[in-house]
C-alpha atoms as a PDB file:
ATOM      1  CA  MET A   1     -66.017 -26.579 168.066  1.00  0.00           C
ATOM      2  CA  PRO A   2     -62.270 -26.296 167.428  1.00  0.00           C
ATOM      3  CA  ASP A   3     -60.216 -23.929 169.600  1.00  0.00           C
ATOM      4  CA  LYS A   4     -58.271 -22.514 166.645  1.00  0.00           C
ATOM      5  CA  LEU A   5     -59.331 -21.190 163.287  1.00  0.00           C
ATOM      6  CA  ALA A   6     -57.748 -22.795 160.253  1.00  0.00           C
ATOM      7  CA  MET A   7     -55.215 -20.442 158.631  1.00  0.00           C
ATOM      8  CA  SER A   8     -57.078 -20.815 155.332  1.00  0.00           C
ATOM      9  CA  ALA A   9     -60.149 -19.256 156.970  1.00  0.00           C
ATOM     10  CA  VAL A  10     -58.290 -16.136 158.099  1.00  0.00           C
ATOM     11  CA  ARG A  11     -57.346 -13.263 155.814  1.00  0.00           C
ATOM     12  CA  ARG A  12     -53.566 -13.126 156.009  1.00  0.00           C
ATOM     13  CA  SER A  13     -53.101  -9.547 154.816  1.00  0.00           C
ATOM     14  CA  ASN A  14     -54.816  -6.421 153.622  1.00  0.00           C
ATOM     15  CA  ARG A  15     -55.994  -6.532 150.019  1.00  0.00           C
ATOM     16  CA  PHE A  16     -55.414  -4.006 147.287  1.00  0.00           C
ATOM     17  CA  ARG A  17     -58.381  -4.067 144.923  1.00  0.00           C
ATOM     18  CA  VAL A  18     -57.188  -3.875 141.330  1.00  0.00           C
ATOM     19  CA  ILE A  19     -59.366  -1.236 139.692  1.00  0.00           C
ATOM     20  CA  MET A  20     -58.919  -2.680 136.192  1.00  0.00           C
ATOM     21  CA  ASN A  21     -59.323  -6.429 136.026  1.00  0.00           C
ATOM     22  CA  LEU A  22     -56.079  -7.736 134.575  1.00  0.00           C
ATOM     23  CA  PRO A  23     -55.650 -10.792 132.361  1.00  0.00           C
ATOM     24  CA  LEU A  24     -53.822 -13.498 134.304  1.00  0.00           C
ATOM     25  CA  LYS A  25     -52.253 -16.859 133.473  1.00  0.00           C
ATOM     26  CA  LEU A  26     -52.869 -19.624 136.005  1.00  0.00           C
ATOM     27  CA  GLY A  27     -50.604 -22.390 134.781  1.00  0.00           C
ATOM     28  CA  TRP A  28     -52.002 -23.055 131.286  1.00  0.00           C
ATOM     29  CA  LYS A  29     -55.369 -21.429 132.013  1.00  0.00           C
ATOM     30  CA  ASP A  30     -56.408 -17.868 131.228  1.00  0.00           C
ATOM     31  CA  GLY A  31     -58.038 -15.936 134.030  1.00  0.00           C
ATOM     32  CA  THR A  32     -58.733 -12.519 135.473  1.00  0.00           C
ATOM     33  CA  LEU A  33     -56.940 -11.014 138.451  1.00  0.00           C
ATOM     34  CA  VAL A  34     -59.659  -9.781 140.818  1.00  0.00           C
ATOM     35  CA  ASP A  35     -57.527  -8.579 143.716  1.00  0.00           C
ATOM     36  CA  ILE A  36     -54.023  -8.887 145.065  1.00  0.00           C
ATOM     37  CA  SER A  37     -52.240  -8.609 148.408  1.00  0.00           C
ATOM     38  CA  GLU A  38     -48.746  -9.240 149.675  1.00  0.00           C
ATOM     39  CA  ALA A  39     -49.876 -12.799 150.466  1.00  0.00           C
ATOM     40  CA  GLY A  40     -51.639 -13.820 147.254  1.00  0.00           C
ATOM     41  CA  VAL A  41     -54.391 -13.252 144.700  1.00  0.00           C
ATOM     42  CA  LEU A  42     -58.057 -13.847 144.068  1.00  0.00           C
ATOM     43  CA  ALA A  43     -58.700 -14.773 140.440  1.00  0.00           C
ATOM     44  CA  THR A  44     -61.590 -15.926 138.267  1.00  0.00           C
ATOM     45  CA  HIS A  45     -61.089 -18.483 135.496  1.00  0.00           C
ATOM     46  CA  THR A  46     -62.640 -21.368 133.622  1.00  0.00           C
ATOM     47  CA  GLY A  47     -61.596 -24.905 134.457  1.00  0.00           C
ATOM     48  CA  VAL A  48     -61.120 -26.201 137.960  1.00  0.00           C
ATOM     49  CA  LEU A  49     -57.794 -25.864 139.815  1.00  0.00           C
ATOM     50  CA  LYS A  50     -56.803 -28.606 142.239  1.00  0.00           C
ATOM     51  CA  THR A  51     -56.790 -27.382 145.841  1.00  0.00           C
ATOM     52  CA  GLY A  52     -53.310 -27.774 147.327  1.00  0.00           C
ATOM     53  CA  ALA A  53     -51.572 -27.727 143.947  1.00  0.00           C
ATOM     54  CA  THR A  54     -48.758 -25.270 143.249  1.00  0.00           C
ATOM     55  CA  ILE A  55     -48.977 -23.496 139.902  1.00  0.00           C
ATOM     56  CA  GLU A  56     -47.223 -20.615 138.164  1.00  0.00           C
ATOM     57  CA  ILE A  57     -49.215 -17.411 137.901  1.00  0.00           C
ATOM     58  CA  SER A  58     -48.272 -14.433 135.751  1.00  0.00           C
ATOM     59  CA  PHE A  59     -49.667 -11.119 134.577  1.00  0.00           C
ATOM     60  CA  VAL A  60     -48.434  -7.885 133.012  1.00  0.00           C
ATOM     61  CA  HIS A  61     -48.914  -4.540 134.747  1.00  0.00           C
ATOM     62  CA  GLU A  62     -47.516  -1.271 133.367  1.00  0.00           C
ATOM     63  CA  ASN A  63     -45.329  -3.204 130.895  1.00  0.00           C
ATOM     64  CA  GLU A  64     -43.758  -5.310 133.661  1.00  0.00           C
ATOM     65  CA  ARG A  65     -44.367  -9.054 133.895  1.00  0.00           C
ATOM     66  CA  PHE A  66     -45.062 -10.554 137.316  1.00  0.00           C
ATOM     67  CA  VAL A  67     -44.353 -14.286 137.700  1.00  0.00           C
ATOM     68  CA  SER A  68     -44.578 -16.400 140.834  1.00  0.00           C
ATOM     69  CA  ASN A  69     -45.508 -19.841 142.004  1.00  0.00           C
ATOM     70  CA  ALA A  70     -48.644 -19.941 144.107  1.00  0.00           C
ATOM     71  CA  LYS A  71     -50.489 -22.589 146.090  1.00  0.00           C
ATOM     72  CA  VAL A  72     -54.194 -23.049 145.337  1.00  0.00           C
ATOM     73  CA  GLU A  73     -55.991 -22.556 148.657  1.00  0.00           C
ATOM     74  CA  THR A  74     -59.587 -22.636 147.379  1.00  0.00           C
ATOM     75  CA  CYS A  75     -61.360 -23.103 144.047  1.00  0.00           C
ATOM     76  CA  THR A  76     -65.136 -22.641 143.926  1.00  0.00           C
ATOM     77  CA  VAL A  77     -67.819 -22.325 141.261  1.00  0.00           C
ATOM     78  CA  VAL A  78     -69.096 -18.756 140.954  1.00  0.00           C
ATOM     79  CA  GLY A  79     -71.219 -19.042 137.825  1.00  0.00           C
ATOM     80  CA  LEU A  80     -72.587 -21.862 135.706  1.00  0.00           C
ATOM     81  CA  GLY A  81     -72.362 -20.781 132.079  1.00  0.00           C
ATOM     82  CA  ALA A  82     -70.846 -17.428 133.113  1.00  0.00           C
ATOM     83  CA  GLY A  83     -67.439 -17.976 131.466  1.00  0.00           C
ATOM     84  CA  PRO A  84     -66.410 -17.546 127.845  1.00  0.00           C
ATOM     85  CA  GLY A  85     -68.505 -19.655 125.502  1.00  0.00           C
ATOM     86  CA  GLY A  86     -70.862 -20.626 128.338  1.00  0.00           C
ATOM     87  CA  ALA A  87     -68.135 -22.342 130.393  1.00  0.00           C
ATOM     88  CA  THR A  88     -68.367 -22.661 134.163  1.00  0.00           C
ATOM     89  CA  LEU A  89     -66.624 -19.776 135.939  1.00  0.00           C
ATOM     90  CA  TYR A  90     -64.501 -20.465 139.034  1.00  0.00           C
ATOM     91  CA  ALA A  91     -62.924 -18.193 141.651  1.00  0.00           C
ATOM     92  CA  SER A  92     -59.674 -19.276 143.281  1.00  0.00           C
ATOM     93  CA  ARG A  93     -57.647 -17.940 146.162  1.00  0.00           C
ATOM     94  CA  LEU A  94     -53.917 -18.565 145.735  1.00  0.00           C
ATOM     95  CA  PHE A  95     -51.022 -17.792 148.087  1.00  0.00           C
ATOM     96  CA  PHE A  96     -47.555 -16.908 146.787  1.00  0.00           C
ATOM     97  CA  THR A  97     -44.652 -19.293 147.394  1.00  0.00           C
ATOM     98  CA  ASP A  98     -40.959 -18.545 146.836  1.00  0.00           C
ATOM     99  CA  LEU A  99     -41.236 -14.992 145.486  1.00  0.00           C
ATOM    100  CA  SER A 100     -38.211 -13.889 143.460  1.00  0.00           C
ATOM    101  CA  ASP A 101     -36.675 -10.513 144.308  1.00  0.00           C
ATOM    102  CA  SER A 102     -38.137  -8.925 141.157  1.00  0.00           C
ATOM    103  CA  ALA A 103     -41.610 -10.360 141.856  1.00  0.00           C
ATOM    104  CA  ARG A 104     -41.399  -9.163 145.474  1.00  0.00           C
ATOM    105  CA  GLN A 105     -40.434  -5.635 144.349  1.00  0.00           C
ATOM    106  CA  MET A 106     -43.273  -5.468 141.832  1.00  0.00           C
ATOM    107  CA  LEU A 107     -45.725  -6.777 144.416  1.00  0.00           C
ATOM    108  CA  GLN A 108     -44.559  -4.189 146.949  1.00  0.00           C
ATOM    109  CA  SER A 109     -45.153  -1.394 144.450  1.00  0.00           C
ATOM    110  CA  LEU A 110     -48.598  -2.787 143.543  1.00  0.00           C
ATOM    111  CA  VAL A 111     -49.893  -3.062 147.100  1.00  0.00           C
ATOM    112  CA  GLY A 112     -48.058  -0.016 148.446  1.00  0.00           C
ATOM    113  CA  ILE A 113     -45.860  -1.760 151.003  1.00  0.00           C
ATOM    114  CA  SER A 114     -43.221   0.530 152.431  1.00  0.00           C
ATOM    115  CA  GLU A 115     -39.637  -0.444 153.095  1.00  0.00           C
ATOM    116  CA  THR A 116     -40.415  -0.318 156.833  1.00  0.00           C
ATOM    117  CA  HIS A 117     -42.916  -3.153 156.374  1.00  0.00           C
ATOM    118  CA  PRO A 118     -41.218  -5.523 153.914  1.00  0.00           C
ATOM    119  CA  LEU A 119     -42.686  -8.837 152.833  1.00  0.00           C
ATOM    120  CA  GLY A 120     -41.719 -11.821 154.968  1.00  0.00           C
END
């Protein structure tokens, strides 16, 4: 048994559960934002995402567009035939990389991070 847990197995931050599921773009794929934290997102979508790949994610919340690159940490099947048109539905965990100042500010307002606890 290994002495250390893999970082991918440990929740890196508290999560803010989005009450309304928001439409999300994962690269060229359409998806749904399930939850969000200062570290990343959990999203459902059709079509597999390659683990380890970096993709652009974007969504609109209160007329503001959030855009960031994110690394695909996991991508698993959550429902055969559960997606649009009977497609396989996947759930992916993605971690933000290189947040712009505007994306960081929007994320802070979404997850309720105070100025005394800024994002790293």
